[in-house]
Amino acid sequence: MAEQRFVEPPVEGSSPSGHPNSLPVQMDTSGIIGSLPDPPSNGPFSPSDGPERDLEEVPMNAFLVELENKAGELARVTEAIAAKGIDITGVSGSTCGSSGSVALMTDNEAATRTALQAAGVTFREMEATQAPIAAAPGSLAKACRRLADAGVNIEALMPTGMEGDHVMIAFITGDAAKARQILTTAGSAAG
């Protein structure tokens, strides 16, 4: 036999919550939680399993922009991107002699492509492979050596964040599929 519970009726002028101005509301909550979809088990919106997660979650492209080594060049490029309402989510660059380059990742690749074309800059769009690299001496060297031994040229790289004791690095290479394969093999990227 089911246990019966008796509840005292609320005192006039009060509610079950105790707030004098709230009214008791009956609401059928059956099925609310059950109607929510299960979280995805794979794909771009799946939960991360940390540094060992699948590196093919979301393909990312980087823009490698050629610049003159003079004051204002980077400002001109980043202003052209900002004027289109685009967020730069990753950046890395350097100069050598009279020229330089910057690698950019943004939240809107199509709009970035249009902004760079309108700015009249020379650029290449390349797929980036993100990999976790242990924050320890030699970890990046080990990952770079594995790519080099497989004949994969690194065009650029940039840190994109931290996960625990790993730095997330976006490798922009001449062969993203091969880089992804190398960097996802057991332990290769983690150090």
N, C-alpha and C. Protein backbone atom coordinates (compact mmCIF):
# COMPACT_ATOMS: atom_id res chain seq x y z
N MET A 1 0.84 -1.18 0.00
CA MET A 1 0.00 0.00 0.00
C MET A 1 0.89 1.25 0.00
N ALA A 2 0.57 2.22 -0.84
CA ALA A 2 1.37 3.43 -0.95
C ALA A 2 1.20 4.30 0.28
N GLU A 3 2.29 4.93 0.68
CA GLU A 3 2.27 5.82 1.84
C GLU A 3 1.49 7.07 1.48
N GLN A 4 0.60 7.49 2.37
CA GLN A 4 -0.16 8.70 2.14
C GLN A 4 0.45 9.83 2.95
N ARG A 5 0.56 10.98 2.36
CA ARG A 5 1.10 12.14 3.06
C ARG A 5 0.04 13.22 3.08
N PHE A 6 -0.08 13.85 4.22
CA PHE A 6 -1.01 14.94 4.35
C PHE A 6 -0.24 16.24 4.47
N VAL A 7 -0.68 17.22 3.74
CA VAL A 7 -0.02 18.52 3.75
C VAL A 7 -1.01 19.53 4.28
N GLU A 8 -0.56 20.36 5.22
CA GLU A 8 -1.42 21.41 5.75
C GLU A 8 -1.72 22.40 4.64
N PRO A 9 -2.95 22.84 4.50
CA PRO A 9 -3.24 23.86 3.49
C PRO A 9 -2.53 25.15 3.87
N PRO A 10 -2.16 25.97 2.86
CA PRO A 10 -1.45 27.22 3.16
C PRO A 10 -2.33 28.17 3.95
N VAL A 11 -1.69 28.96 4.77
CA VAL A 11 -2.39 29.98 5.53
C VAL A 11 -2.76 31.11 4.57
N GLU A 12 -3.94 31.67 4.76
CA GLU A 12 -4.40 32.73 3.88
C GLU A 12 -3.38 33.87 3.86
N GLY A 13 -3.10 34.35 2.64
CA GLY A 13 -2.13 35.43 2.49
C GLY A 13 -0.71 34.94 2.31
N SER A 14 -0.50 33.64 2.28
CA SER A 14 0.84 33.12 2.04
C SER A 14 0.76 32.02 0.99
N SER A 15 1.90 31.55 0.58
CA SER A 15 1.95 30.51 -0.43
C SER A 15 2.90 29.42 0.03
N PRO A 16 2.93 28.28 -0.67
CA PRO A 16 3.88 27.24 -0.27
C PRO A 16 5.32 27.74 -0.28
N SER A 17 5.63 28.74 -1.09
CA SER A 17 7.01 29.25 -1.13
C SER A 17 7.29 30.18 0.03
N GLY A 18 6.22 30.61 0.74
CA GLY A 18 6.41 31.51 1.87
C GLY A 18 6.34 32.98 1.49
N HIS A 19 6.34 33.28 0.21
CA HIS A 19 6.27 34.67 -0.24
C HIS A 19 4.82 35.12 -0.20
N PRO A 20 4.51 36.25 0.45
CA PRO A 20 3.12 36.66 0.63
C PRO A 20 2.39 37.00 -0.67
N ASN A 21 3.07 37.35 -1.74
CA ASN A 21 2.41 37.76 -2.98
C ASN A 21 2.40 36.69 -4.07
N SER A 22 2.97 35.53 -3.80
CA SER A 22 2.99 34.52 -4.85
C SER A 22 1.75 33.64 -4.75
N LEU A 23 1.29 33.20 -5.87
CA LEU A 23 0.13 32.34 -5.93
C LEU A 23 0.58 30.92 -6.22
N PRO A 24 -0.10 29.94 -5.61
CA PRO A 24 0.26 28.56 -5.95
C PRO A 24 -0.12 28.28 -7.39
N VAL A 25 0.76 27.69 -8.15
CA VAL A 25 0.52 27.38 -9.55
C VAL A 25 0.71 25.89 -9.74
N GLN A 26 -0.26 25.27 -10.36
CA GLN A 26 -0.12 23.86 -10.67
C GLN A 26 0.43 23.75 -12.08
N MET A 27 1.44 22.90 -12.23
CA MET A 27 2.07 22.75 -13.53
C MET A 27 2.37 21.29 -13.76
N ASP A 28 2.01 20.80 -14.92
CA ASP A 28 2.31 19.42 -15.27
C ASP A 28 3.74 19.38 -15.79
N THR A 29 4.64 18.80 -15.00
CA THR A 29 6.04 18.73 -15.40
C THR A 29 6.41 17.37 -15.95
N SER A 30 5.44 16.49 -16.08
CA SER A 30 5.76 15.16 -16.59
C SER A 30 6.23 15.26 -18.03
N GLY A 31 7.31 14.61 -18.30
CA GLY A 31 7.84 14.56 -19.67
C GLY A 31 8.74 15.70 -20.04
N ILE A 32 8.91 16.72 -19.20
CA ILE A 32 9.77 17.84 -19.58
C ILE A 32 11.20 17.37 -19.78
N ILE A 33 11.77 16.72 -18.79
CA ILE A 33 13.15 16.25 -18.92
C ILE A 33 13.24 15.18 -19.99
N GLY A 34 12.27 14.29 -20.04
CA GLY A 34 12.29 13.23 -21.03
C GLY A 34 12.20 13.73 -22.46
N SER A 35 11.68 14.95 -22.66
CA SER A 35 11.53 15.45 -24.02
C SER A 35 12.80 16.08 -24.57
N LEU A 36 13.80 16.31 -23.70
CA LEU A 36 15.05 16.89 -24.19
C LEU A 36 15.85 15.84 -24.94
N PRO A 37 16.50 16.22 -26.05
CA PRO A 37 17.29 15.24 -26.80
C PRO A 37 18.55 14.85 -26.03
N ASP A 38 19.03 13.67 -26.28
CA ASP A 38 20.30 13.24 -25.69
C ASP A 38 21.42 14.08 -26.27
N PRO A 39 22.47 14.36 -25.50
CA PRO A 39 23.59 15.12 -26.05
C PRO A 39 24.27 14.31 -27.14
N PRO A 40 24.85 14.98 -28.14
CA PRO A 40 25.52 14.25 -29.23
C PRO A 40 26.71 13.47 -28.70
N SER A 41 26.94 12.33 -29.30
CA SER A 41 28.08 11.52 -28.87
C SER A 41 29.28 11.73 -29.78
N ASN A 42 29.08 12.39 -30.91
CA ASN A 42 30.21 12.73 -31.77
C ASN A 42 29.85 13.95 -32.59
N GLY A 43 30.80 14.51 -33.30
CA GLY A 43 30.56 15.69 -34.11
C GLY A 43 31.01 16.95 -33.40
N PRO A 44 30.75 18.12 -34.02
CA PRO A 44 31.30 19.37 -33.49
C PRO A 44 30.70 19.79 -32.16
N PHE A 45 29.53 19.27 -31.76
CA PHE A 45 28.93 19.69 -30.50
C PHE A 45 29.01 18.60 -29.44
N SER A 46 29.82 17.60 -29.66
CA SER A 46 29.95 16.54 -28.67
C SER A 46 30.87 17.00 -27.55
N PRO A 47 30.72 16.40 -26.37
CA PRO A 47 31.60 16.78 -25.27
C PRO A 47 33.04 16.41 -25.55
N SER A 48 33.94 17.19 -25.03
CA SER A 48 35.36 16.91 -25.22
C SER A 48 35.82 15.85 -24.23
N ASP A 49 36.67 14.98 -24.69
CA ASP A 49 37.26 13.99 -23.80
C ASP A 49 38.65 14.43 -23.40
N GLY A 50 38.94 15.71 -23.47
CA GLY A 50 40.25 16.22 -23.11
C GLY A 50 41.23 16.12 -24.26
N PRO A 51 42.51 16.11 -23.95
CA PRO A 51 43.54 16.16 -24.97
C PRO A 51 43.52 14.99 -25.95
N GLU A 52 42.92 13.87 -25.59
CA GLU A 52 42.91 12.71 -26.48
C GLU A 52 41.67 12.65 -27.36
N ARG A 53 40.86 13.72 -27.40
CA ARG A 53 39.62 13.68 -28.16
C ARG A 53 39.89 13.60 -29.66
N ASP A 54 38.86 13.34 -30.43
CA ASP A 54 38.95 13.23 -31.88
C ASP A 54 39.30 14.59 -32.47
N LEU A 55 40.38 14.66 -33.22
CA LEU A 55 40.83 15.93 -33.77
C LEU A 55 40.08 16.33 -35.03
N GLU A 56 39.13 15.51 -35.48
CA GLU A 56 38.38 15.83 -36.67
C GLU A 56 37.03 16.46 -36.36
N GLU A 57 36.85 16.97 -35.14
CA GLU A 57 35.57 17.51 -34.73
C GLU A 57 35.07 18.63 -35.64
N VAL A 58 35.86 19.65 -35.81
CA VAL A 58 35.43 20.80 -36.61
C VAL A 58 36.57 21.22 -37.52
N PRO A 59 36.40 21.11 -38.85
CA PRO A 59 37.47 21.57 -39.73
C PRO A 59 37.63 23.09 -39.59
N MET A 60 38.88 23.53 -39.52
CA MET A 60 39.17 24.96 -39.38
C MET A 60 40.11 25.37 -40.50
N ASN A 61 39.93 26.56 -40.99
CA ASN A 61 40.85 27.10 -41.98
C ASN A 61 41.58 28.30 -41.38
N ALA A 62 42.79 28.47 -41.83
CA ALA A 62 43.59 29.64 -41.44
C ALA A 62 43.89 30.42 -42.71
N PHE A 63 44.05 31.70 -42.55
CA PHE A 63 44.41 32.58 -43.66
C PHE A 63 45.85 33.01 -43.45
N LEU A 64 46.72 32.68 -44.40
CA LEU A 64 48.12 33.09 -44.35
C LEU A 64 48.26 34.33 -45.24
N VAL A 65 48.46 35.47 -44.61
CA VAL A 65 48.44 36.76 -45.29
C VAL A 65 49.87 37.28 -45.41
N GLU A 66 50.26 37.64 -46.64
CA GLU A 66 51.58 38.22 -46.89
C GLU A 66 51.52 39.73 -46.65
N LEU A 67 52.52 40.24 -45.96
CA LEU A 67 52.56 41.67 -45.62
C LEU A 67 53.93 42.25 -45.89
N GLU A 68 53.96 43.55 -46.10
CA GLU A 68 55.24 44.25 -46.13
C GLU A 68 55.65 44.50 -44.69
N ASN A 69 56.94 44.52 -44.42
CA ASN A 69 57.43 44.78 -43.08
C ASN A 69 57.53 46.29 -42.88
N LYS A 70 56.37 46.89 -42.62
CA LYS A 70 56.33 48.34 -42.36
C LYS A 70 55.16 48.64 -41.44
N ALA A 71 55.28 49.75 -40.75
CA ALA A 71 54.26 50.16 -39.79
C ALA A 71 52.90 50.28 -40.45
N GLY A 72 51.89 49.73 -39.82
CA GLY A 72 50.52 49.89 -40.29
C GLY A 72 49.97 48.74 -41.12
N GLU A 73 50.83 47.83 -41.60
CA GLU A 73 50.34 46.74 -42.45
C GLU A 73 49.40 45.79 -41.71
N LEU A 74 49.79 45.37 -40.54
CA LEU A 74 48.92 44.48 -39.77
C LEU A 74 47.66 45.21 -39.34
N ALA A 75 47.77 46.48 -38.99
CA ALA A 75 46.60 47.27 -38.62
C ALA A 75 45.61 47.34 -39.78
N ARG A 76 46.12 47.54 -40.99
CA ARG A 76 45.25 47.62 -42.18
C ARG A 76 44.48 46.33 -42.39
N VAL A 77 45.15 45.19 -42.24
CA VAL A 77 44.49 43.89 -42.45
C VAL A 77 43.47 43.62 -41.35
N THR A 78 43.87 43.83 -40.10
CA THR A 78 42.95 43.53 -39.00
C THR A 78 41.77 44.50 -38.98
N GLU A 79 41.98 45.74 -39.39
CA GLU A 79 40.87 46.70 -39.48
C GLU A 79 39.89 46.29 -40.57
N ALA A 80 40.38 45.77 -41.69
CA ALA A 80 39.49 45.31 -42.76
C ALA A 80 38.61 44.15 -42.28
N ILE A 81 39.19 43.28 -41.47
CA ILE A 81 38.43 42.15 -40.91
C ILE A 81 37.44 42.66 -39.88
N ALA A 82 37.88 43.54 -38.99
CA ALA A 82 37.00 44.08 -37.94
C ALA A 82 35.83 44.86 -38.53
N ALA A 83 36.06 45.56 -39.62
CA ALA A 83 35.00 46.36 -40.24
C ALA A 83 33.83 45.49 -40.72
N LYS A 84 34.08 44.23 -40.95
CA LYS A 84 33.02 43.29 -41.38
C LYS A 84 32.39 42.58 -40.18
N GLY A 85 32.78 42.96 -38.96
CA GLY A 85 32.21 42.36 -37.76
C GLY A 85 32.71 40.94 -37.49
N ILE A 86 33.92 40.65 -37.97
CA ILE A 86 34.50 39.32 -37.82
C ILE A 86 35.42 39.30 -36.61
N ASP A 87 35.32 38.23 -35.82
CA ASP A 87 36.19 38.07 -34.65
C ASP A 87 37.41 37.24 -35.04
N ILE A 88 38.59 37.75 -34.77
CA ILE A 88 39.83 37.00 -34.98
C ILE A 88 40.01 36.11 -33.75
N THR A 89 40.00 34.80 -33.96
CA THR A 89 40.07 33.84 -32.86
C THR A 89 41.47 33.27 -32.63
N GLY A 90 42.37 33.50 -33.57
CA GLY A 90 43.75 33.04 -33.44
C GLY A 90 44.63 33.84 -34.37
N VAL A 91 45.85 34.14 -33.93
CA VAL A 91 46.76 34.91 -34.76
C VAL A 91 48.20 34.56 -34.39
N SER A 92 49.05 34.55 -35.42
CA SER A 92 50.47 34.32 -35.25
C SER A 92 51.16 34.96 -36.44
N GLY A 93 52.32 35.52 -36.23
CA GLY A 93 52.99 36.14 -37.36
C GLY A 93 54.43 36.47 -37.06
N SER A 94 55.14 36.83 -38.12
CA SER A 94 56.52 37.26 -37.97
C SER A 94 56.96 37.98 -39.25
N THR A 95 58.11 38.63 -39.15
CA THR A 95 58.70 39.29 -40.31
C THR A 95 60.13 38.79 -40.49
N CYS A 96 60.62 38.97 -41.70
CA CYS A 96 62.01 38.65 -42.01
C CYS A 96 62.40 39.55 -43.17
N GLY A 97 63.35 40.42 -42.94
CA GLY A 97 63.74 41.35 -44.00
C GLY A 97 62.63 42.34 -44.28
N SER A 98 62.28 42.49 -45.56
CA SER A 98 61.29 43.49 -45.94
C SER A 98 59.87 42.94 -46.00
N SER A 99 59.69 41.66 -45.69
CA SER A 99 58.34 41.10 -45.75
C SER A 99 58.02 40.32 -44.48
N GLY A 100 56.80 39.92 -44.39
CA GLY A 100 56.34 39.13 -43.26
C GLY A 100 55.04 38.45 -43.61
N SER A 101 54.55 37.69 -42.67
CA SER A 101 53.25 37.06 -42.89
C SER A 101 52.57 36.90 -41.54
N VAL A 102 51.26 36.78 -41.61
CA VAL A 102 50.45 36.56 -40.43
C VAL A 102 49.47 35.44 -40.75
N ALA A 103 49.30 34.53 -39.81
CA ALA A 103 48.31 33.47 -39.93
C ALA A 103 47.14 33.87 -39.04
N LEU A 104 45.96 33.88 -39.60
CA LEU A 104 44.75 34.30 -38.87
C LEU A 104 43.70 33.20 -38.91
N MET A 105 42.99 33.03 -37.82
CA MET A 105 41.80 32.20 -37.79
C MET A 105 40.68 33.08 -37.28
N THR A 106 39.49 32.93 -37.84
CA THR A 106 38.37 33.79 -37.48
C THR A 106 37.11 32.96 -37.24
N ASP A 107 36.06 33.66 -36.81
CA ASP A 107 34.79 33.01 -36.58
C ASP A 107 33.90 32.99 -37.83
N ASN A 108 34.39 33.53 -38.96
CA ASN A 108 33.59 33.55 -40.18
C ASN A 108 34.55 33.53 -41.39
N GLU A 109 34.80 32.35 -41.89
CA GLU A 109 35.78 32.20 -42.98
C GLU A 109 35.34 32.87 -44.27
N ALA A 110 34.08 32.73 -44.64
CA ALA A 110 33.59 33.32 -45.89
C ALA A 110 33.72 34.85 -45.86
N ALA A 111 33.33 35.45 -44.75
CA ALA A 111 33.42 36.91 -44.63
C ALA A 111 34.88 37.36 -44.57
N THR A 112 35.73 36.56 -43.95
CA THR A 112 37.16 36.90 -43.89
C THR A 112 37.75 36.89 -45.29
N ARG A 113 37.43 35.89 -46.06
CA ARG A 113 37.91 35.79 -47.44
C ARG A 113 37.52 37.05 -48.22
N THR A 114 36.26 37.46 -48.08
CA THR A 114 35.75 38.66 -48.77
C THR A 114 36.48 39.91 -48.28
N ALA A 115 36.68 40.03 -46.97
CA ALA A 115 37.36 41.21 -46.41
C ALA A 115 38.80 41.31 -46.90
N LEU A 116 39.50 40.17 -46.93
CA LEU A 116 40.89 40.19 -47.39
C LEU A 116 40.99 40.52 -48.88
N GLN A 117 40.07 39.99 -49.67
CA GLN A 117 40.06 40.30 -51.10
C GLN A 117 39.79 41.79 -51.31
N ALA A 118 38.83 42.34 -50.55
CA ALA A 118 38.51 43.77 -50.67
C ALA A 118 39.68 44.65 -50.24
N ALA A 119 40.48 44.16 -49.28
CA ALA A 119 41.64 44.92 -48.82
C ALA A 119 42.81 44.82 -49.79
N GLY A 120 42.70 43.95 -50.78
CA GLY A 120 43.75 43.82 -51.80
C GLY A 120 45.02 43.16 -51.30
N VAL A 121 44.92 42.30 -50.31
CA VAL A 121 46.11 41.62 -49.81
C VAL A 121 46.25 40.24 -50.44
N THR A 122 47.48 39.77 -50.48
CA THR A 122 47.75 38.43 -50.98
C THR A 122 47.65 37.46 -49.81
N PHE A 123 46.87 36.40 -49.99
CA PHE A 123 46.71 35.44 -48.91
C PHE A 123 46.43 34.06 -49.48
N ARG A 124 46.66 33.05 -48.65
CA ARG A 124 46.29 31.67 -48.95
C ARG A 124 45.41 31.17 -47.82
N GLU A 125 44.44 30.38 -48.16
CA GLU A 125 43.56 29.77 -47.16
C GLU A 125 43.94 28.30 -47.07
N MET A 126 44.26 27.84 -45.85
CA MET A 126 44.70 26.47 -45.67
C MET A 126 44.01 25.85 -44.45
N GLU A 127 43.76 24.56 -44.53
CA GLU A 127 43.15 23.86 -43.40
C GLU A 127 44.15 23.73 -42.25
N ALA A 128 43.67 23.94 -41.04
CA ALA A 128 44.48 23.81 -39.84
C ALA A 128 44.12 22.52 -39.11
N THR A 129 45.10 21.91 -38.50
CA THR A 129 44.89 20.71 -37.69
C THR A 129 45.23 21.06 -36.26
N GLN A 130 44.25 20.96 -35.39
CA GLN A 130 44.48 21.29 -33.98
C GLN A 130 44.91 20.04 -33.23
N ALA A 131 45.91 20.18 -32.37
CA ALA A 131 46.41 19.05 -31.60
C ALA A 131 46.85 19.51 -30.21
N PRO A 132 46.64 18.66 -29.21
CA PRO A 132 47.12 18.98 -27.86
C PRO A 132 48.59 18.62 -27.73
N ILE A 133 49.38 19.55 -27.23
CA ILE A 133 50.81 19.34 -27.03
C ILE A 133 51.09 19.51 -25.53
N ALA A 134 51.72 18.53 -24.93
CA ALA A 134 52.01 18.61 -23.50
C ALA A 134 52.85 19.84 -23.21
N ALA A 135 52.54 20.51 -22.11
CA ALA A 135 53.31 21.68 -21.69
C ALA A 135 54.56 21.18 -20.96
N ALA A 136 55.49 20.66 -21.76
CA ALA A 136 56.73 20.09 -21.22
C ALA A 136 57.83 20.25 -22.27
N PRO A 137 59.07 20.38 -21.83
CA PRO A 137 60.18 20.52 -22.78
C PRO A 137 60.22 19.37 -23.79
N GLY A 138 60.35 19.71 -25.05
CA GLY A 138 60.49 18.72 -26.11
C GLY A 138 59.21 18.24 -26.75
N SER A 139 58.06 18.58 -26.18
CA SER A 139 56.79 18.09 -26.73
C SER A 139 56.51 18.63 -28.14
N LEU A 140 56.69 19.93 -28.32
CA LEU A 140 56.48 20.52 -29.64
C LEU A 140 57.52 19.97 -30.62
N ALA A 141 58.76 19.83 -30.19
CA ALA A 141 59.82 19.29 -31.06
C ALA A 141 59.46 17.88 -31.53
N LYS A 142 58.91 17.08 -30.63
CA LYS A 142 58.53 15.71 -30.97
C LYS A 142 57.43 15.69 -32.04
N ALA A 143 56.41 16.54 -31.86
CA ALA A 143 55.32 16.61 -32.84
C ALA A 143 55.84 17.12 -34.19
N CYS A 144 56.69 18.14 -34.17
CA CYS A 144 57.24 18.68 -35.42
C CYS A 144 58.12 17.64 -36.13
N ARG A 145 58.90 16.89 -35.37
CA ARG A 145 59.76 15.86 -35.97
C ARG A 145 58.90 14.78 -36.63
N ARG A 146 57.82 14.37 -36.00
CA ARG A 146 56.95 13.36 -36.59
C ARG A 146 56.35 13.85 -37.91
N LEU A 147 55.95 15.12 -37.94
CA LEU A 147 55.42 15.68 -39.19
C LEU A 147 56.52 15.74 -40.25
N ALA A 148 57.69 16.20 -39.88
CA ALA A 148 58.81 16.30 -40.82
C ALA A 148 59.19 14.94 -41.38
N ASP A 149 59.28 13.93 -40.51
CA ASP A 149 59.65 12.59 -40.96
C ASP A 149 58.63 12.00 -41.94
N ALA A 150 57.38 12.49 -41.85
CA ALA A 150 56.34 12.03 -42.78
C ALA A 150 56.26 12.91 -44.02
N GLY A 151 57.15 13.90 -44.13
CA GLY A 151 57.16 14.78 -45.30
C GLY A 151 56.11 15.87 -45.27
N VAL A 152 55.58 16.19 -44.09
CA VAL A 152 54.55 17.22 -43.97
C VAL A 152 55.23 18.54 -43.59
N ASN A 153 55.09 19.56 -44.44
CA ASN A 153 55.67 20.87 -44.20
C ASN A 153 54.72 21.72 -43.35
N ILE A 154 55.25 22.30 -42.30
CA ILE A 154 54.46 23.20 -41.45
C ILE A 154 54.60 24.61 -42.00
N GLU A 155 53.49 25.17 -42.48
CA GLU A 155 53.48 26.53 -43.03
C GLU A 155 53.40 27.57 -41.91
N ALA A 156 52.63 27.25 -40.87
CA ALA A 156 52.46 28.15 -39.72
C ALA A 156 51.88 27.34 -38.58
N LEU A 157 52.00 27.88 -37.38
CA LEU A 157 51.31 27.29 -36.24
C LEU A 157 50.97 28.38 -35.27
N MET A 158 49.96 28.12 -34.45
CA MET A 158 49.56 29.10 -33.45
C MET A 158 48.90 28.41 -32.28
N PRO A 159 49.15 28.90 -31.08
CA PRO A 159 48.44 28.36 -29.92
C PRO A 159 46.99 28.82 -29.96
N THR A 160 46.08 27.92 -29.61
CA THR A 160 44.65 28.27 -29.64
C THR A 160 43.99 28.13 -28.28
N GLY A 161 44.71 27.64 -27.27
CA GLY A 161 44.13 27.54 -25.94
C GLY A 161 44.87 26.54 -25.09
N MET A 162 44.33 26.28 -23.93
CA MET A 162 44.90 25.32 -22.98
C MET A 162 43.82 24.32 -22.59
N GLU A 163 44.21 23.09 -22.39
CA GLU A 163 43.34 22.06 -21.83
C GLU A 163 44.16 21.29 -20.81
N GLY A 164 43.94 21.60 -19.56
CA GLY A 164 44.73 20.95 -18.51
C GLY A 164 46.19 21.31 -18.65
N ASP A 165 47.04 20.28 -18.76
CA ASP A 165 48.48 20.52 -18.91
C ASP A 165 48.93 20.41 -20.36
N HIS A 166 48.00 20.70 -21.30
CA HIS A 166 48.31 20.66 -22.74
C HIS A 166 48.00 22.01 -23.38
N VAL A 167 48.86 22.43 -24.29
CA VAL A 167 48.62 23.62 -25.10
C VAL A 167 47.99 23.13 -26.40
N MET A 168 46.87 23.72 -26.78
CA MET A 168 46.25 23.36 -28.06
C MET A 168 46.95 24.19 -29.15
N ILE A 169 47.47 23.49 -30.13
CA ILE A 169 48.21 24.14 -31.22
C ILE A 169 47.49 23.86 -32.54
N ALA A 170 47.29 24.89 -33.34
CA ALA A 170 46.77 24.73 -34.70
C ALA A 170 47.98 24.66 -35.63
N PHE A 171 48.15 23.52 -36.28
CA PHE A 171 49.22 23.32 -37.26
C PHE A 171 48.62 23.60 -38.64
N ILE A 172 49.18 24.55 -39.36
CA ILE A 172 48.75 24.84 -40.73
C ILE A 172 49.82 24.23 -41.62
N THR A 173 49.43 23.20 -42.36
CA THR A 173 50.40 22.42 -43.13
C THR A 173 49.98 22.28 -44.58
N GLY A 174 50.89 21.77 -45.39
CA GLY A 174 50.60 21.51 -46.79
C GLY A 174 49.74 20.27 -47.01
N ASP A 175 49.56 19.43 -45.98
CA ASP A 175 48.76 18.21 -46.09
C ASP A 175 48.03 17.98 -44.77
N ALA A 176 46.87 18.61 -44.64
CA ALA A 176 46.12 18.55 -43.38
C ALA A 176 45.69 17.13 -43.03
N ALA A 177 45.28 16.35 -44.01
CA ALA A 177 44.83 14.98 -43.74
C ALA A 177 45.97 14.14 -43.16
N LYS A 178 47.14 14.26 -43.74
CA LYS A 178 48.29 13.51 -43.25
C LYS A 178 48.72 14.01 -41.87
N ALA A 179 48.69 15.33 -41.66
CA ALA A 179 49.04 15.90 -40.37
C ALA A 179 48.08 15.40 -39.30
N ARG A 180 46.79 15.37 -39.62
CA ARG A 180 45.79 14.90 -38.67
C ARG A 180 46.06 13.45 -38.29
N GLN A 181 46.37 12.63 -39.29
CA GLN A 181 46.66 11.21 -39.05
C GLN A 181 47.87 11.06 -38.11
N ILE A 182 48.92 11.82 -38.37
CA ILE A 182 50.15 11.73 -37.57
C ILE A 182 49.92 12.23 -36.15
N LEU A 183 49.21 13.36 -36.04
CA LEU A 183 49.01 13.97 -34.73
C LEU A 183 47.97 13.26 -33.88
N THR A 184 47.17 12.39 -34.46
CA THR A 184 46.18 11.65 -33.69
C THR A 184 46.66 10.25 -33.28
N THR A 185 47.82 9.84 -33.76
CA THR A 185 48.33 8.53 -33.34
C THR A 185 48.69 8.59 -31.87
N ALA A 186 48.56 7.49 -31.20
CA ALA A 186 48.73 7.42 -29.74
C ALA A 186 49.99 8.12 -29.26
N GLY A 187 49.78 9.15 -28.46
CA GLY A 187 50.89 9.81 -27.81
C GLY A 187 51.70 10.76 -28.65
N SER A 188 51.43 10.86 -29.96
CA SER A 188 52.31 11.68 -30.80
C SER A 188 52.23 13.15 -30.47
N ALA A 189 51.03 13.66 -30.23
CA ALA A 189 50.89 15.08 -29.96
C ALA A 189 51.06 15.40 -28.49
N ALA A 190 50.72 14.44 -27.65
CA ALA A 190 50.76 14.70 -26.21
C ALA A 190 52.16 14.72 -25.65
N GLY A 191 53.12 14.27 -26.42
CA GLY A 191 54.49 14.33 -25.92
C GLY A 191 54.96 12.97 -25.69
